[in-house]
Amino acid sequence: MNGFKISLSMGTPTLIIVHQDVPGMIAKVTNILSETNTNIGTMTVTRESKGENAIMIMEVDDPQVEDTVKKLKQLPNIDSVNYFE
């Protein structure tokens, strides 16, 4: 996905966020999840190289994340937000 090799079980609601590797992105994303009461079950973060594209893969407990996705897409330095139930 977007040049990243990923492996998904697809058995759990999953958010996939591609973003620029800049300081504070994990904090901004997890703050929105906290504000929308979205609990993270697992989280993987990786990047192409320092300062380049990065990806967050989060399995979440709540399948109702429409508001969360809308807020995430409004963050600066976000390239894409995908959600799979």
PDB file of N, CA and C in Angstrom:
ATOM      1  N   MET A   1       0.851  -1.182   0.000  1.00  0.00           N
ATOM      2  CA  MET A   1       0.000   0.000   0.000  1.00  0.00           C
ATOM      3  C   MET A   1       0.891   1.237   0.000  1.00  0.00           C
ATOM      4  N   ASN A   2       0.686   2.097  -0.981  1.00  0.00           N
ATOM      5  CA  ASN A   2       1.468   3.337  -1.125  1.00  0.00           C
ATOM      6  C   ASN A   2       2.976   3.081  -1.055  1.00  0.00           C
ATOM      7  N   GLY A   3       3.418   1.922  -1.577  1.00  0.00           N
ATOM      8  CA  GLY A   3       4.833   1.598  -1.572  1.00  0.00           C
ATOM      9  C   GLY A   3       5.310   0.844  -0.351  1.00  0.00           C
ATOM     10  N   PHE A   4       4.434   0.625   0.635  1.00  0.00           N
ATOM     11  CA  PHE A   4       4.791  -0.111   1.837  1.00  0.00           C
ATOM     12  C   PHE A   4       4.321  -1.549   1.716  1.00  0.00           C
ATOM     13  N   LYS A   5       5.134  -2.477   2.169  1.00  0.00           N
ATOM     14  CA  LYS A   5       4.716  -3.868   2.262  1.00  0.00           C
ATOM     15  C   LYS A   5       4.035  -4.044   3.616  1.00  0.00           C
ATOM     16  N   ILE A   6       2.757  -4.442   3.596  1.00  0.00           N
ATOM     17  CA  ILE A   6       2.033  -4.615   4.843  1.00  0.00           C
ATOM     18  C   ILE A   6       1.329  -5.965   4.842  1.00  0.00           C
ATOM     19  N   SER A   7       1.061  -6.448   6.030  1.00  0.00           N
ATOM     20  CA  SER A   7       0.337  -7.696   6.202  1.00  0.00           C
ATOM     21  C   SER A   7      -0.816  -7.431   7.156  1.00  0.00           C
ATOM     22  N   LEU A   8      -2.029  -7.746   6.710  1.00  0.00           N
ATOM     23  CA  LEU A   8      -3.205  -7.502   7.524  1.00  0.00           C
ATOM     24  C   LEU A   8      -4.004  -8.781   7.692  1.00  0.00           C
ATOM     25  N   SER A   9      -4.550  -8.974   8.887  1.00  0.00           N
ATOM     26  CA  SER A   9      -5.396 -10.141   9.106  1.00  0.00           C
ATOM     27  C   SER A   9      -6.814  -9.878   8.638  1.00  0.00           C
ATOM     28  N   MET A  10      -7.215  -8.612   8.609  1.00  0.00           N
ATOM     29  CA  MET A  10      -8.546  -8.169   8.199  1.00  0.00           C
ATOM     30  C   MET A  10      -9.657  -8.754   9.079  1.00  0.00           C
ATOM     31  N   GLY A  11      -9.320  -9.251  10.251  1.00  0.00           N
ATOM     32  CA  GLY A  11     -10.317  -9.764  11.173  1.00  0.00           C
ATOM     33  C   GLY A  11     -10.718  -8.741  12.215  1.00  0.00           C
ATOM     34  N   THR A  12     -10.078  -7.601  12.207  1.00  0.00           N
ATOM     35  CA  THR A  12     -10.302  -6.548  13.185  1.00  0.00           C
ATOM     36  C   THR A  12     -10.419  -5.217  12.447  1.00  0.00           C
ATOM     37  N   PRO A  13     -11.314  -4.319  12.903  1.00  0.00           N
ATOM     38  CA  PRO A  13     -11.355  -2.990  12.284  1.00  0.00           C
ATOM     39  C   PRO A  13      -9.953  -2.361  12.285  1.00  0.00           C
ATOM     40  N   THR A  14      -9.522  -1.865  11.133  1.00  0.00           N
ATOM     41  CA  THR A  14      -8.145  -1.393  10.980  1.00  0.00           C
ATOM     42  C   THR A  14      -8.089  -0.045  10.284  1.00  0.00           C
ATOM     43  N   LEU A  15      -7.320   0.866  10.857  1.00  0.00           N
ATOM     44  CA  LEU A  15      -7.017   2.165  10.247  1.00  0.00           C
ATOM     45  C   LEU A  15      -5.610   2.096   9.671  1.00  0.00           C
ATOM     46  N   ILE A  16      -5.448   2.568   8.441  1.00  0.00           N
ATOM     47  CA  ILE A  16      -4.134   2.659   7.819  1.00  0.00           C
ATOM     48  C   ILE A  16      -3.932   4.115   7.416  1.00  0.00           C
ATOM     49  N   ILE A  17      -2.925   4.742   8.017  1.00  0.00           N
ATOM     50  CA  ILE A  17      -2.675   6.166   7.821  1.00  0.00           C
ATOM     51  C   ILE A  17      -1.287   6.347   7.226  1.00  0.00           C
ATOM     52  N   VAL A  18      -1.220   6.920   6.026  1.00  0.00           N
ATOM     53  CA  VAL A  18       0.056   7.248   5.387  1.00  0.00           C
ATOM     54  C   VAL A  18       0.272   8.741   5.579  1.00  0.00           C
ATOM     55  N   HIS A  19       1.461   9.091   6.043  1.00  0.00           N
ATOM     56  CA  HIS A  19       1.744  10.487   6.385  1.00  0.00           C
ATOM     57  C   HIS A  19       3.212  10.798   6.171  1.00  0.00           C
ATOM     58  N   GLN A  20       3.536  12.069   6.243  1.00  0.00           N
ATOM     59  CA  GLN A  20       4.926  12.491   6.178  1.00  0.00           C
ATOM     60  C   GLN A  20       5.577  12.233   7.536  1.00  0.00           C
ATOM     61  N   ASP A  21       6.822  11.812   7.511  1.00  0.00           N
ATOM     62  CA  ASP A  21       7.566  11.524   8.741  1.00  0.00           C
ATOM     63  C   ASP A  21       8.056  12.837   9.352  1.00  0.00           C
ATOM     64  N   VAL A  22       7.177  13.452  10.138  1.00  0.00           N
ATOM     65  CA  VAL A  22       7.511  14.697  10.833  1.00  0.00           C
ATOM     66  C   VAL A  22       7.221  14.514  12.320  1.00  0.00           C
ATOM     67  N   PRO A  23       7.933  15.248  13.169  1.00  0.00           N
ATOM     68  CA  PRO A  23       7.718  15.109  14.605  1.00  0.00           C
ATOM     69  C   PRO A  23       6.267  15.401  15.006  1.00  0.00           C
ATOM     70  N   GLY A  24       5.754  14.603  15.930  1.00  0.00           N
ATOM     71  CA  GLY A  24       4.435  14.841  16.499  1.00  0.00           C
ATOM     72  C   GLY A  24       3.277  14.141  15.813  1.00  0.00           C
ATOM     73  N   MET A  25       3.519  13.445  14.707  1.00  0.00           N
ATOM     74  CA  MET A  25       2.404  12.818  13.982  1.00  0.00           C
ATOM     75  C   MET A  25       1.722  11.729  14.802  1.00  0.00           C
ATOM     76  N   ILE A  26       2.491  10.899  15.482  1.00  0.00           N
ATOM     77  CA  ILE A  26       1.876   9.845  16.294  1.00  0.00           C
ATOM     78  C   ILE A  26       1.031  10.475  17.389  1.00  0.00           C
ATOM     79  N   ALA A  27       1.528  11.508  18.025  1.00  0.00           N
ATOM     80  CA  ALA A  27       0.776  12.187  19.086  1.00  0.00           C
ATOM     81  C   ALA A  27      -0.506  12.814  18.549  1.00  0.00           C
ATOM     82  N   LYS A  28      -0.437  13.457  17.380  1.00  0.00           N
ATOM     83  CA  LYS A  28      -1.634  14.082  16.804  1.00  0.00           C
ATOM     84  C   LYS A  28      -2.691  13.042  16.464  1.00  0.00           C
ATOM     85  N   VAL A  29      -2.267  11.933  15.874  1.00  0.00           N
ATOM     86  CA  VAL A  29      -3.211  10.879  15.492  1.00  0.00           C
ATOM     87  C   VAL A  29      -3.822  10.234  16.730  1.00  0.00           C
ATOM     88  N   THR A  30      -2.989   9.860  17.692  1.00  0.00           N
ATOM     89  CA  THR A  30      -3.528   9.192  18.880  1.00  0.00           C
ATOM     90  C   THR A  30      -4.382  10.143  19.724  1.00  0.00           C
ATOM     91  N   ASN A  31      -4.109  11.433  19.675  1.00  0.00           N
ATOM     92  CA  ASN A  31      -4.948  12.402  20.371  1.00  0.00           C
ATOM     93  C   ASN A  31      -6.360  12.403  19.785  1.00  0.00           C
ATOM     94  N   ILE A  32      -6.472  12.355  18.465  1.00  0.00           N
ATOM     95  CA  ILE A  32      -7.792  12.302  17.824  1.00  0.00           C
ATOM     96  C   ILE A  32      -8.505  11.003  18.204  1.00  0.00           C
ATOM     97  N   LEU A  33      -7.794   9.889  18.213  1.00  0.00           N
ATOM     98  CA  LEU A  33      -8.420   8.629  18.617  1.00  0.00           C
ATOM     99  C   LEU A  33      -8.924   8.712  20.057  1.00  0.00           C
ATOM    100  N   SER A  34      -8.153   9.334  20.915  1.00  0.00           N
ATOM    101  CA  SER A  34      -8.575   9.510  22.308  1.00  0.00           C
ATOM    102  C   SER A  34      -9.818  10.393  22.404  1.00  0.00           C
ATOM    103  N   GLU A  35      -9.826  11.504  21.656  1.00  0.00           N
ATOM    104  CA  GLU A  35     -10.971  12.425  21.669  1.00  0.00           C
ATOM    105  C   GLU A  35     -12.257  11.758  21.185  1.00  0.00           C
ATOM    106  N   THR A  36     -12.141  10.799  20.274  1.00  0.00           N
ATOM    107  CA  THR A  36     -13.316  10.137  19.705  1.00  0.00           C
ATOM    108  C   THR A  36     -13.592   8.781  20.366  1.00  0.00           C
ATOM    109  N   ASN A  37     -12.919   8.541  21.494  1.00  0.00           N
ATOM    110  CA  ASN A  37     -13.100   7.294  22.261  1.00  0.00           C
ATOM    111  C   ASN A  37     -12.851   6.044  21.422  1.00  0.00           C
ATOM    112  N   THR A  38     -11.848   6.110  20.569  1.00  0.00           N
ATOM    113  CA  THR A  38     -11.456   4.971  19.752  1.00  0.00           C
ATOM    114  C   THR A  38     -10.262   4.302  20.410  1.00  0.00           C
ATOM    115  N   ASN A  39     -10.445   3.064  20.856  1.00  0.00           N
ATOM    116  CA  ASN A  39      -9.391   2.347  21.557  1.00  0.00           C
ATOM    117  C   ASN A  39      -8.507   1.593  20.563  1.00  0.00           C
ATOM    118  N   ILE A  40      -7.195   1.718  20.725  1.00  0.00           N
ATOM    119  CA  ILE A  40      -6.222   1.031  19.872  1.00  0.00           C
ATOM    120  C   ILE A  40      -5.914  -0.330  20.479  1.00  0.00           C
ATOM    121  N   GLY A  41      -6.109  -1.389  19.666  1.00  0.00           N
ATOM    122  CA  GLY A  41      -5.751  -2.735  20.102  1.00  0.00           C
ATOM    123  C   GLY A  41      -4.287  -3.027  19.820  1.00  0.00           C
ATOM    124  N   THR A  42      -3.852  -2.757  18.587  1.00  0.00           N
ATOM    125  CA  THR A  42      -2.441  -2.884  18.217  1.00  0.00           C
ATOM    126  C   THR A  42      -2.084  -1.717  17.308  1.00  0.00           C
ATOM    127  N   MET A  43      -0.790  -1.378  17.288  1.00  0.00           N
ATOM    128  CA  MET A  43      -0.335  -0.260  16.456  1.00  0.00           C
ATOM    129  C   MET A  43       1.056  -0.575  15.932  1.00  0.00           C
ATOM    130  N   THR A  44       1.234  -0.390  14.630  1.00  0.00           N
ATOM    131  CA  THR A  44       2.536  -0.554  13.995  1.00  0.00           C
ATOM    132  C   THR A  44       2.859   0.744  13.259  1.00  0.00           C
ATOM    133  N   VAL A  45       4.083   1.220  13.432  1.00  0.00           N
ATOM    134  CA  VAL A  45       4.525   2.443  12.766  1.00  0.00           C
ATOM    135  C   VAL A  45       5.851   2.152  12.071  1.00  0.00           C
ATOM    136  N   THR A  46       5.953   2.543  10.816  1.00  0.00           N
ATOM    137  CA  THR A  46       7.210   2.387  10.094  1.00  0.00           C
ATOM    138  C   THR A  46       7.339   3.522   9.082  1.00  0.00           C
ATOM    139  N   ARG A  47       8.531   3.677   8.530  1.00  0.00           N
ATOM    140  CA  ARG A  47       8.760   4.736   7.545  1.00  0.00           C
ATOM    141  C   ARG A  47       9.714   4.249   6.476  1.00  0.00           C
ATOM    142  N   GLU A  48       9.673   4.930   5.328  1.00  0.00           N
ATOM    143  CA  GLU A  48      10.593   4.603   4.237  1.00  0.00           C
ATOM    144  C   GLU A  48      12.014   4.952   4.651  1.00  0.00           C
ATOM    145  N   SER A  49      12.193   6.186   5.089  1.00  0.00           N
ATOM    146  CA  SER A  49      13.459   6.670   5.634  1.00  0.00           C
ATOM    147  C   SER A  49      13.163   7.969   6.369  1.00  0.00           C
ATOM    148  N   LYS A  50      14.116   8.432   7.140  1.00  0.00           N
ATOM    149  CA  LYS A  50      13.915   9.632   7.949  1.00  0.00           C
ATOM    150  C   LYS A  50      13.438  10.794   7.092  1.00  0.00           C
ATOM    151  N   GLY A  51      12.307  11.394   7.500  1.00  0.00           N
ATOM    152  CA  GLY A  51      11.779  12.558   6.807  1.00  0.00           C
ATOM    153  C   GLY A  51      10.955  12.254   5.574  1.00  0.00           C
ATOM    154  N   GLU A  52      10.803  10.986   5.227  1.00  0.00           N
ATOM    155  CA  GLU A  52      10.039  10.593   4.038  1.00  0.00           C
ATOM    156  C   GLU A  52       8.640  10.139   4.448  1.00  0.00           C
ATOM    157  N   ASN A  53       8.012   9.303   3.634  1.00  0.00           N
ATOM    158  CA  ASN A  53       6.689   8.776   3.960  1.00  0.00           C
ATOM    159  C   ASN A  53       6.761   7.791   5.120  1.00  0.00           C
ATOM    160  N   ALA A  54       5.706   7.778   5.908  1.00  0.00           N
ATOM    161  CA  ALA A  54       5.579   6.850   7.026  1.00  0.00           C
ATOM    162  C   ALA A  54       4.163   6.290   7.019  1.00  0.00           C
ATOM    163  N   ILE A  55       3.962   5.198   7.751  1.00  0.00           N
ATOM    164  CA  ILE A  55       2.650   4.575   7.804  1.00  0.00           C
ATOM    165  C   ILE A  55       2.359   4.110   9.225  1.00  0.00           C
ATOM    166  N   MET A  56       1.112   4.308   9.638  1.00  0.00           N
ATOM    167  CA  MET A  56       0.604   3.796  10.911  1.00  0.00           C
ATOM    168  C   MET A  56      -0.505   2.815  10.587  1.00  0.00           C
ATOM    169  N   ILE A  57      -0.425   1.637  11.178  1.00  0.00           N
ATOM    170  CA  ILE A  57      -1.476   0.637  11.035  1.00  0.00           C
ATOM    171  C   ILE A  57      -2.003   0.363  12.436  1.00  0.00           C
ATOM    172  N   MET A  58      -3.300   0.650  12.641  1.00  0.00           N
ATOM    173  CA  MET A  58      -3.896   0.496  13.961  1.00  0.00           C
ATOM    174  C   MET A  58      -5.138  -0.371  13.896  1.00  0.00           C
ATOM    175  N   GLU A  59      -5.122  -1.457  14.661  1.00  0.00           N
ATOM    176  CA  GLU A  59      -6.336  -2.236  14.838  1.00  0.00           C
ATOM    177  C   GLU A  59      -7.077  -1.607  15.998  1.00  0.00           C
ATOM    178  N   VAL A  60      -8.358  -1.327  15.808  1.00  0.00           N
ATOM    179  CA  VAL A  60      -9.144  -0.626  16.822  1.00  0.00           C
ATOM    180  C   VAL A  60     -10.338  -1.478  17.248  1.00  0.00           C
ATOM    181  N   ASP A  61     -10.853  -1.171  18.432  1.00  0.00           N
ATOM    182  CA  ASP A  61     -11.969  -1.936  18.980  1.00  0.00           C
ATOM    183  C   ASP A  61     -13.310  -1.537  18.394  1.00  0.00           C
ATOM    184  N   ASP A  62     -13.488  -0.260  18.097  1.00  0.00           N
ATOM    185  CA  ASP A  62     -14.790   0.263  17.697  1.00  0.00           C
ATOM    186  C   ASP A  62     -14.897   0.353  16.180  1.00  0.00           C
ATOM    187  N   PRO A  63     -15.852  -0.373  15.564  1.00  0.00           N
ATOM    188  CA  PRO A  63     -15.988  -0.286  14.116  1.00  0.00           C
ATOM    189  C   PRO A  63     -16.649   1.004  13.629  1.00  0.00           C
ATOM    190  N   GLN A  64     -17.128   1.847  14.520  1.00  0.00           N
ATOM    191  CA  GLN A  64     -17.792   3.104  14.148  1.00  0.00           C
ATOM    192  C   GLN A  64     -16.791   4.255  14.248  1.00  0.00           C
ATOM    193  N   VAL A  65     -15.995   4.447  13.207  1.00  0.00           N
ATOM    194  CA  VAL A  65     -14.935   5.453  13.267  1.00  0.00           C
ATOM    195  C   VAL A  65     -15.068   6.535  12.200  1.00  0.00           C
ATOM    196  N   GLU A  66     -16.269   6.755  11.681  1.00  0.00           N
ATOM    197  CA  GLU A  66     -16.442   7.746  10.616  1.00  0.00           C
ATOM    198  C   GLU A  66     -15.953   9.131  11.042  1.00  0.00           C
ATOM    199  N   ASP A  67     -16.326   9.569  12.251  1.00  0.00           N
ATOM    200  CA  ASP A  67     -15.890  10.882  12.740  1.00  0.00           C
ATOM    201  C   ASP A  67     -14.375  10.917  12.915  1.00  0.00           C
ATOM    202  N   THR A  68     -13.814   9.817  13.401  1.00  0.00           N
ATOM    203  CA  THR A  68     -12.368   9.728  13.590  1.00  0.00           C
ATOM    204  C   THR A  68     -11.656   9.887  12.253  1.00  0.00           C
ATOM    205  N   VAL A  69     -12.113   9.178  11.237  1.00  0.00           N
ATOM    206  CA  VAL A  69     -11.497   9.243   9.910  1.00  0.00           C
ATOM    207  C   VAL A  69     -11.575  10.665   9.362  1.00  0.00           C
ATOM    208  N   LYS A  70     -12.718  11.326   9.489  1.00  0.00           N
ATOM    209  CA  LYS A  70     -12.865  12.709   9.011  1.00  0.00           C
ATOM    210  C   LYS A  70     -11.856  13.626   9.673  1.00  0.00           C
ATOM    211  N   LYS A  71     -11.697  13.502  10.993  1.00  0.00           N
ATOM    212  CA  LYS A  71     -10.754  14.357  11.724  1.00  0.00           C
ATOM    213  C   LYS A  71      -9.311  14.047  11.328  1.00  0.00           C
ATOM    214  N   LEU A  72      -9.001  12.769  11.159  1.00  0.00           N
ATOM    215  CA  LEU A  72      -7.635  12.403  10.774  1.00  0.00           C
ATOM    216  C   LEU A  72      -7.271  12.982   9.414  1.00  0.00           C
ATOM    217  N   LYS A  73      -8.198  12.955   8.475  1.00  0.00           N
ATOM    218  CA  LYS A  73      -7.934  13.467   7.131  1.00  0.00           C
ATOM    219  C   LYS A  73      -7.665  14.966   7.119  1.00  0.00           C
ATOM    220  N   GLN A  74      -8.100  15.682   8.152  1.00  0.00           N
ATOM    221  CA  GLN A  74      -7.896  17.130   8.232  1.00  0.00           C
ATOM    222  C   GLN A  74      -6.534  17.510   8.805  1.00  0.00           C
ATOM    223  N   LEU A  75      -5.807  16.553   9.348  1.00  0.00           N
ATOM    224  CA  LEU A  75      -4.501  16.860   9.926  1.00  0.00           C
ATOM    225  C   LEU A  75      -3.502  17.227   8.832  1.00  0.00           C
ATOM    226  N   PRO A  76      -2.614  18.174   9.131  1.00  0.00           N
ATOM    227  CA  PRO A  76      -1.545  18.471   8.174  1.00  0.00           C
ATOM    228  C   PRO A  76      -0.602  17.272   8.070  1.00  0.00           C
ATOM    229  N   ASN A  77       0.031  17.101   6.927  1.00  0.00           N
ATOM    230  CA  ASN A  77       1.011  16.052   6.667  1.00  0.00           C
ATOM    231  C   ASN A  77       0.416  14.656   6.537  1.00  0.00           C
ATOM    232  N   ILE A  78      -0.912  14.544   6.439  1.00  0.00           N
ATOM    233  CA  ILE A  78      -1.565  13.259   6.203  1.00  0.00           C
ATOM    234  C   ILE A  78      -1.726  13.089   4.690  1.00  0.00           C
ATOM    235  N   ASP A  79      -1.260  11.963   4.173  1.00  0.00           N
ATOM    236  CA  ASP A  79      -1.423  11.675   2.740  1.00  0.00           C
ATOM    237  C   ASP A  79      -2.700  10.892   2.469  1.00  0.00           C
ATOM    238  N   SER A  80      -2.996   9.911   3.336  1.00  0.00           N
ATOM    239  CA  SER A  80      -4.219   9.133   3.156  1.00  0.00           C
ATOM    240  C   SER A  80      -4.631   8.460   4.458  1.00  0.00           C
ATOM    241  N   VAL A  81      -5.936   8.253   4.588  1.00  0.00           N
ATOM    242  CA  VAL A  81      -6.502   7.514   5.715  1.00  0.00           C
ATOM    243  C   VAL A  81      -7.453   6.488   5.129  1.00  0.00           C
ATOM    244  N   ASN A  82      -7.197   5.222   5.399  1.00  0.00           N
ATOM    245  CA  ASN A  82      -8.050   4.142   4.931  1.00  0.00           C
ATOM    246  C   ASN A  82      -8.556   3.366   6.134  1.00  0.00           C
ATOM    247  N   TYR A  83      -9.788   2.897   6.039  1.00  0.00           N
ATOM    248  CA  TYR A  83     -10.396   2.125   7.117  1.00  0.00           C
ATOM    249  C   TYR A  83     -10.984   0.852   6.560  1.00  0.00           C
ATOM    250  N   PHE A  84     -10.680  -0.245   7.206  1.00  0.00           N
ATOM    251  CA  PHE A  84     -11.203  -1.562   6.803  1.00  0.00           C
ATOM    252  C   PHE A  84     -11.890  -2.200   7.993  1.00  0.00           C
ATOM    253  N   GLU A  85     -13.133  -2.654   7.783  1.00  0.00           N
ATOM    254  CA  GLU A  85     -13.861  -3.322   8.871  1.00  0.00           C
ATOM    255  C   GLU A  85     -13.624  -4.802   8.807  1.00  0.00           C
TER     256      GLU A  85
END
